[in-house]
Amino acid sequence: MSEQGKLERWHAVISDGSTVEGLASILHEDAVFHSPVVHSPQKGREIVIAYLSAAGKVLGGDDFQYVREIVDGNDIVLEFTTSLEGIHINGIDMIRFDDDGQIVDFKVMVRPLKAVNKIWDMMAAQLEAQRG
């Protein structure tokens, strides 16, 4: 799959609301997620889906936008901005795909510190709500 095709698939999934089905279609079964607020990597498609769908709900508001895209082979870096309860957030999604276009590694970095703290609180609540 082409570099551009991988990026377009990611944008399509988040534009569609980061649904479980959409995320499952582009995540490798052994995908790994690196959270800005959880120390250990989260491994496996199901847990990565949980984190990315929660992040879509927490961060994917009306003002979420990618402001820069860097593509190099199977690696894509996307800089984003958004806000939560008046806190401006600047972050980066670092995504590695395999040759078949499946995400194998996803790392999120966020600044400033008060944004990290706010995301921690809101993601914890969203993940708990998903567990039911």
N, C-alpha and C. Protein backbone atom coordinates (compact mmCIF):
# COMPACT_ATOMS: atom_id res chain seq x y z
N MET A 1 0.85 -1.18 0.00
CA MET A 1 0.00 0.00 0.00
C MET A 1 0.89 1.24 0.00
N SER A 2 0.49 2.26 -0.72
CA SER A 2 1.27 3.49 -0.83
C SER A 2 1.25 4.27 0.49
N GLU A 3 2.26 5.14 0.64
CA GLU A 3 2.31 6.01 1.81
C GLU A 3 1.04 6.84 1.91
N GLN A 4 0.64 7.43 0.78
CA GLN A 4 -0.55 8.27 0.78
C GLN A 4 -1.80 7.47 1.10
N GLY A 5 -1.87 6.24 0.62
CA GLY A 5 -3.02 5.38 0.91
C GLY A 5 -3.17 5.09 2.39
N LYS A 6 -2.04 4.87 3.07
CA LYS A 6 -2.07 4.62 4.52
C LYS A 6 -2.61 5.85 5.25
N LEU A 7 -2.10 7.00 4.87
CA LEU A 7 -2.53 8.25 5.51
C LEU A 7 -4.02 8.51 5.24
N GLU A 8 -4.45 8.28 4.03
CA GLU A 8 -5.87 8.48 3.69
C GLU A 8 -6.77 7.54 4.48
N ARG A 9 -6.35 6.29 4.67
CA ARG A 9 -7.15 5.35 5.47
C ARG A 9 -7.27 5.84 6.91
N TRP A 10 -6.17 6.34 7.50
CA TRP A 10 -6.23 6.85 8.86
C TRP A 10 -7.20 8.02 8.95
N HIS A 11 -7.09 8.96 8.02
CA HIS A 11 -7.98 10.12 8.04
C HIS A 11 -9.45 9.69 7.87
N ALA A 12 -9.71 8.70 7.06
CA ALA A 12 -11.08 8.22 6.87
C ALA A 12 -11.63 7.63 8.16
N VAL A 13 -10.82 6.88 8.88
CA VAL A 13 -11.28 6.26 10.13
C VAL A 13 -11.59 7.33 11.17
N ILE A 14 -10.73 8.32 11.33
CA ILE A 14 -11.03 9.33 12.35
C ILE A 14 -12.16 10.25 11.91
N SER A 15 -12.30 10.49 10.61
CA SER A 15 -13.42 11.30 10.12
C SER A 15 -14.75 10.61 10.38
N ASP A 16 -14.71 9.29 10.43
CA ASP A 16 -15.91 8.50 10.67
C ASP A 16 -16.18 8.30 12.16
N GLY A 17 -15.40 8.99 13.02
CA GLY A 17 -15.65 8.93 14.45
C GLY A 17 -14.82 7.93 15.23
N SER A 18 -13.76 7.40 14.64
CA SER A 18 -12.90 6.42 15.32
C SER A 18 -13.72 5.27 15.88
N THR A 19 -14.58 4.70 15.05
CA THR A 19 -15.43 3.59 15.50
C THR A 19 -14.58 2.34 15.73
N VAL A 20 -15.12 1.45 16.52
CA VAL A 20 -14.45 0.17 16.77
C VAL A 20 -14.20 -0.56 15.46
N GLU A 21 -15.20 -0.58 14.60
CA GLU A 21 -15.07 -1.29 13.32
C GLU A 21 -14.01 -0.65 12.44
N GLY A 22 -14.03 0.68 12.36
CA GLY A 22 -13.05 1.39 11.55
C GLY A 22 -11.63 1.16 12.05
N LEU A 23 -11.45 1.28 13.35
CA LEU A 23 -10.12 1.06 13.93
C LEU A 23 -9.66 -0.37 13.73
N ALA A 24 -10.55 -1.32 13.94
CA ALA A 24 -10.19 -2.74 13.76
C ALA A 24 -9.72 -3.01 12.34
N SER A 25 -10.28 -2.30 11.38
CA SER A 25 -9.92 -2.54 9.98
C SER A 25 -8.51 -2.09 9.63
N ILE A 26 -7.92 -1.20 10.43
CA ILE A 26 -6.58 -0.71 10.09
C ILE A 26 -5.52 -1.05 11.14
N LEU A 27 -5.90 -1.76 12.20
CA LEU A 27 -4.94 -2.13 13.25
C LEU A 27 -4.50 -3.58 13.11
N HIS A 28 -3.20 -3.78 13.13
CA HIS A 28 -2.63 -5.13 13.15
C HIS A 28 -3.04 -5.80 14.46
N GLU A 29 -3.20 -7.11 14.44
CA GLU A 29 -3.63 -7.80 15.66
C GLU A 29 -2.63 -7.66 16.80
N ASP A 30 -1.36 -7.42 16.49
CA ASP A 30 -0.33 -7.24 17.52
C ASP A 30 0.07 -5.77 17.69
N ALA A 31 -0.82 -4.85 17.34
CA ALA A 31 -0.53 -3.42 17.44
C ALA A 31 -0.16 -3.04 18.87
N VAL A 32 0.66 -2.00 18.98
CA VAL A 32 1.09 -1.48 20.28
C VAL A 32 0.75 0.00 20.35
N PHE A 33 0.20 0.43 21.51
CA PHE A 33 -0.14 1.83 21.73
C PHE A 33 0.69 2.37 22.88
N HIS A 34 1.30 3.55 22.65
CA HIS A 34 2.09 4.24 23.67
C HIS A 34 1.33 5.51 24.04
N SER A 35 0.81 5.52 25.25
CA SER A 35 0.00 6.64 25.74
C SER A 35 0.88 7.71 26.36
N PRO A 36 0.46 8.97 26.28
CA PRO A 36 1.21 10.02 26.98
C PRO A 36 1.01 9.97 28.50
N VAL A 37 0.06 9.17 28.97
CA VAL A 37 -0.23 9.16 30.41
C VAL A 37 -0.10 7.78 31.05
N VAL A 38 0.16 6.74 30.28
CA VAL A 38 0.33 5.39 30.83
C VAL A 38 1.75 4.94 30.54
N HIS A 39 2.45 4.51 31.57
CA HIS A 39 3.88 4.20 31.42
C HIS A 39 4.14 3.03 30.48
N SER A 40 3.42 1.93 30.64
CA SER A 40 3.73 0.73 29.86
C SER A 40 2.98 0.73 28.53
N PRO A 41 3.63 0.20 27.49
CA PRO A 41 2.93 0.08 26.20
C PRO A 41 1.73 -0.85 26.32
N GLN A 42 0.67 -0.51 25.61
CA GLN A 42 -0.55 -1.31 25.60
C GLN A 42 -0.51 -2.16 24.34
N LYS A 43 -0.57 -3.48 24.50
CA LYS A 43 -0.33 -4.39 23.37
C LYS A 43 -1.56 -5.19 23.00
N GLY A 44 -1.80 -5.26 21.69
CA GLY A 44 -2.90 -6.05 21.16
C GLY A 44 -4.01 -5.17 20.60
N ARG A 45 -4.62 -5.66 19.52
CA ARG A 45 -5.64 -4.87 18.80
C ARG A 45 -6.76 -4.39 19.71
N GLU A 46 -7.28 -5.24 20.57
CA GLU A 46 -8.45 -4.87 21.39
C GLU A 46 -8.15 -3.71 22.33
N ILE A 47 -7.01 -3.75 23.01
CA ILE A 47 -6.68 -2.66 23.93
C ILE A 47 -6.33 -1.38 23.17
N VAL A 48 -5.69 -1.51 22.02
CA VAL A 48 -5.38 -0.33 21.21
C VAL A 48 -6.67 0.31 20.71
N ILE A 49 -7.62 -0.51 20.30
CA ILE A 49 -8.93 0.02 19.89
C ILE A 49 -9.57 0.78 21.04
N ALA A 50 -9.51 0.23 22.23
CA ALA A 50 -10.11 0.90 23.40
C ALA A 50 -9.49 2.27 23.62
N TYR A 51 -8.17 2.35 23.57
CA TYR A 51 -7.49 3.63 23.78
C TYR A 51 -7.78 4.62 22.66
N LEU A 52 -7.69 4.17 21.40
CA LEU A 52 -7.90 5.10 20.29
C LEU A 52 -9.35 5.55 20.17
N SER A 53 -10.30 4.67 20.47
CA SER A 53 -11.69 5.12 20.40
C SER A 53 -12.00 6.08 21.55
N ALA A 54 -11.43 5.83 22.73
CA ALA A 54 -11.59 6.77 23.85
C ALA A 54 -10.95 8.11 23.51
N ALA A 55 -9.76 8.08 22.91
CA ALA A 55 -9.09 9.33 22.51
C ALA A 55 -9.92 10.08 21.48
N GLY A 56 -10.56 9.36 20.58
CA GLY A 56 -11.42 10.01 19.59
C GLY A 56 -12.56 10.75 20.26
N LYS A 57 -13.12 10.18 21.31
CA LYS A 57 -14.22 10.82 22.02
C LYS A 57 -13.72 12.01 22.86
N VAL A 58 -12.56 11.85 23.49
CA VAL A 58 -12.04 12.90 24.36
C VAL A 58 -11.45 14.06 23.55
N LEU A 59 -10.65 13.75 22.55
CA LEU A 59 -9.91 14.79 21.82
C LEU A 59 -10.56 15.22 20.51
N GLY A 60 -11.48 14.43 20.00
CA GLY A 60 -12.01 14.66 18.66
C GLY A 60 -13.12 15.68 18.57
N GLY A 61 -13.02 16.76 19.30
CA GLY A 61 -14.04 17.80 19.25
C GLY A 61 -14.01 18.58 17.95
N ASP A 62 -14.87 19.58 17.89
CA ASP A 62 -15.00 20.39 16.68
C ASP A 62 -13.73 21.12 16.29
N ASP A 63 -12.88 21.43 17.26
CA ASP A 63 -11.67 22.19 16.92
C ASP A 63 -10.43 21.32 16.73
N PHE A 64 -10.59 19.98 16.78
CA PHE A 64 -9.45 19.09 16.51
C PHE A 64 -9.04 19.25 15.05
N GLN A 65 -7.73 19.42 14.85
CA GLN A 65 -7.23 19.45 13.48
C GLN A 65 -5.78 19.03 13.43
N TYR A 66 -5.44 18.34 12.36
CA TYR A 66 -4.04 18.06 12.09
C TYR A 66 -3.47 19.27 11.39
N VAL A 67 -2.33 19.75 11.88
CA VAL A 67 -1.74 20.97 11.33
C VAL A 67 -0.44 20.70 10.57
N ARG A 68 0.09 19.48 10.69
CA ARG A 68 1.30 19.12 9.95
C ARG A 68 1.34 17.61 9.78
N GLU A 69 1.78 17.17 8.62
CA GLU A 69 1.89 15.74 8.32
C GLU A 69 3.26 15.47 7.72
N ILE A 70 3.96 14.50 8.28
CA ILE A 70 5.26 14.08 7.76
C ILE A 70 5.15 12.59 7.47
N VAL A 71 5.43 12.22 6.23
CA VAL A 71 5.31 10.84 5.80
C VAL A 71 6.67 10.37 5.30
N ASP A 72 7.14 9.23 5.84
CA ASP A 72 8.41 8.65 5.43
C ASP A 72 8.25 7.14 5.41
N GLY A 73 7.94 6.59 4.25
CA GLY A 73 7.75 5.15 4.14
C GLY A 73 6.57 4.70 4.99
N ASN A 74 6.84 3.78 5.90
CA ASN A 74 5.79 3.24 6.77
C ASN A 74 5.55 4.09 8.02
N ASP A 75 6.30 5.18 8.17
CA ASP A 75 6.17 6.04 9.34
C ASP A 75 5.49 7.35 8.98
N ILE A 76 4.51 7.70 9.80
CA ILE A 76 3.77 8.95 9.61
C ILE A 76 3.72 9.68 10.94
N VAL A 77 4.04 10.97 10.93
CA VAL A 77 3.95 11.81 12.11
C VAL A 77 2.93 12.90 11.81
N LEU A 78 1.93 13.01 12.67
CA LEU A 78 0.84 13.97 12.49
C LEU A 78 0.79 14.88 13.71
N GLU A 79 1.00 16.15 13.51
CA GLU A 79 0.88 17.12 14.60
C GLU A 79 -0.57 17.61 14.65
N PHE A 80 -1.14 17.66 15.86
CA PHE A 80 -2.52 18.11 16.00
C PHE A 80 -2.65 19.19 17.06
N THR A 81 -3.77 19.91 16.95
CA THR A 81 -4.16 20.86 17.98
C THR A 81 -5.63 20.64 18.28
N THR A 82 -6.01 20.93 19.51
CA THR A 82 -7.40 20.88 19.95
C THR A 82 -7.46 21.61 21.29
N SER A 83 -8.62 21.61 21.90
CA SER A 83 -8.73 22.18 23.23
C SER A 83 -9.73 21.37 24.04
N LEU A 84 -9.49 21.35 25.34
CA LEU A 84 -10.38 20.69 26.29
C LEU A 84 -10.63 21.64 27.45
N GLU A 85 -11.88 22.01 27.61
CA GLU A 85 -12.27 22.86 28.73
C GLU A 85 -11.35 24.07 28.87
N GLY A 86 -11.08 24.73 27.74
CA GLY A 86 -10.28 25.94 27.73
C GLY A 86 -8.78 25.73 27.72
N ILE A 87 -8.32 24.49 27.72
CA ILE A 87 -6.89 24.21 27.69
C ILE A 87 -6.49 23.89 26.26
N HIS A 88 -5.57 24.68 25.71
CA HIS A 88 -5.06 24.42 24.37
C HIS A 88 -4.12 23.22 24.42
N ILE A 89 -4.31 22.30 23.50
CA ILE A 89 -3.51 21.08 23.44
C ILE A 89 -2.79 21.03 22.11
N ASN A 90 -1.51 20.71 22.18
CA ASN A 90 -0.69 20.49 21.00
C ASN A 90 -0.10 19.09 21.16
N GLY A 91 -0.25 18.26 20.14
CA GLY A 91 0.24 16.90 20.26
C GLY A 91 0.72 16.33 18.95
N ILE A 92 1.27 15.14 19.06
CA ILE A 92 1.80 14.42 17.90
C ILE A 92 1.34 12.97 17.98
N ASP A 93 0.83 12.47 16.85
CA ASP A 93 0.58 11.04 16.66
C ASP A 93 1.71 10.51 15.80
N MET A 94 2.44 9.54 16.32
CA MET A 94 3.50 8.87 15.55
C MET A 94 2.99 7.47 15.22
N ILE A 95 2.78 7.21 13.95
CA ILE A 95 2.14 5.97 13.53
C ILE A 95 3.08 5.19 12.62
N ARG A 96 3.26 3.92 12.91
CA ARG A 96 4.03 3.02 12.03
C ARG A 96 3.08 1.98 11.46
N PHE A 97 3.14 1.85 10.16
CA PHE A 97 2.34 0.86 9.44
C PHE A 97 3.23 -0.28 8.99
N ASP A 98 2.62 -1.45 8.74
CA ASP A 98 3.36 -2.51 8.06
C ASP A 98 3.17 -2.32 6.55
N ASP A 99 3.78 -3.18 5.77
CA ASP A 99 3.70 -3.04 4.31
C ASP A 99 2.29 -3.25 3.76
N ASP A 100 1.42 -3.91 4.55
CA ASP A 100 0.04 -4.14 4.12
C ASP A 100 -0.90 -3.00 4.51
N GLY A 101 -0.38 -1.96 5.15
CA GLY A 101 -1.20 -0.82 5.53
C GLY A 101 -1.87 -0.95 6.87
N GLN A 102 -1.43 -1.91 7.70
CA GLN A 102 -1.98 -2.07 9.04
C GLN A 102 -1.09 -1.33 10.04
N ILE A 103 -1.72 -0.65 11.00
CA ILE A 103 -0.97 0.05 12.04
C ILE A 103 -0.38 -0.97 13.00
N VAL A 104 0.94 -0.89 13.20
CA VAL A 104 1.61 -1.80 14.13
C VAL A 104 2.09 -1.08 15.39
N ASP A 105 2.24 0.24 15.32
CA ASP A 105 2.70 1.00 16.47
C ASP A 105 2.10 2.40 16.41
N PHE A 106 1.59 2.88 17.54
CA PHE A 106 0.94 4.18 17.61
C PHE A 106 1.38 4.86 18.90
N LYS A 107 2.05 6.00 18.77
CA LYS A 107 2.53 6.73 19.95
C LYS A 107 1.95 8.13 19.93
N VAL A 108 1.48 8.57 21.09
CA VAL A 108 0.93 9.92 21.23
C VAL A 108 1.78 10.69 22.22
N MET A 109 2.13 11.91 21.84
CA MET A 109 2.83 12.82 22.75
C MET A 109 2.02 14.12 22.79
N VAL A 110 1.91 14.70 24.00
CA VAL A 110 1.05 15.87 24.21
C VAL A 110 1.77 16.89 25.08
N ARG A 111 1.47 18.16 24.81
CA ARG A 111 1.95 19.24 25.65
C ARG A 111 0.84 20.27 25.75
N PRO A 112 0.82 21.15 26.69
CA PRO A 112 1.65 21.30 27.87
C PRO A 112 1.22 20.34 28.98
N LEU A 113 1.89 20.43 30.12
CA LEU A 113 1.64 19.52 31.23
C LEU A 113 0.18 19.55 31.68
N LYS A 114 -0.42 20.74 31.78
CA LYS A 114 -1.81 20.76 32.24
C LYS A 114 -2.73 20.08 31.23
N ALA A 115 -2.35 20.03 29.96
CA ALA A 115 -3.13 19.28 28.97
C ALA A 115 -3.00 17.78 29.22
N VAL A 116 -1.80 17.34 29.54
CA VAL A 116 -1.57 15.93 29.86
C VAL A 116 -2.43 15.52 31.05
N ASN A 117 -2.44 16.35 32.09
CA ASN A 117 -3.25 16.05 33.27
C ASN A 117 -4.74 15.99 32.95
N LYS A 118 -5.22 16.92 32.14
CA LYS A 118 -6.64 16.93 31.76
C LYS A 118 -6.97 15.69 30.94
N ILE A 119 -6.10 15.33 30.00
CA ILE A 119 -6.32 14.12 29.18
C ILE A 119 -6.34 12.89 30.06
N TRP A 120 -5.44 12.82 31.03
CA TRP A 120 -5.40 11.68 31.94
C TRP A 120 -6.77 11.50 32.61
N ASP A 121 -7.30 12.56 33.16
CA ASP A 121 -8.59 12.51 33.85
C ASP A 121 -9.71 12.08 32.89
N MET A 122 -9.76 12.70 31.74
CA MET A 122 -10.87 12.44 30.81
C MET A 122 -10.75 11.07 30.14
N MET A 123 -9.53 10.64 29.83
CA MET A 123 -9.35 9.31 29.23
C MET A 123 -9.70 8.22 30.25
N ALA A 124 -9.31 8.40 31.51
CA ALA A 124 -9.63 7.41 32.53
C ALA A 124 -11.15 7.25 32.64
N ALA A 125 -11.87 8.35 32.63
CA ALA A 125 -13.33 8.29 32.71
C ALA A 125 -13.92 7.62 31.47
N GLN A 126 -13.39 7.94 30.30
CA GLN A 126 -13.91 7.36 29.06
C GLN A 126 -13.63 5.85 28.99
N LEU A 127 -12.43 5.44 29.38
CA LEU A 127 -12.09 4.00 29.38
C LEU A 127 -12.96 3.25 30.38
N GLU A 128 -13.22 3.84 31.52
CA GLU A 128 -14.09 3.21 32.52
C GLU A 128 -15.50 3.08 31.97
N ALA A 129 -16.00 4.10 31.30
CA ALA A 129 -17.34 4.04 30.70
C ALA A 129 -17.42 2.97 29.62
N GLN A 130 -16.36 2.77 28.87
CA GLN A 130 -16.33 1.72 27.85
C GLN A 130 -16.40 0.33 28.45
N ARG A 131 -15.78 0.17 29.63
CA ARG A 131 -15.80 -1.14 30.29
C ARG A 131 -17.20 -1.49 30.79
N GLY A 132 -18.01 -0.43 30.96
CA GLY A 132 -19.40 -0.63 31.33
C GLY A 132 -19.58 -0.89 32.76
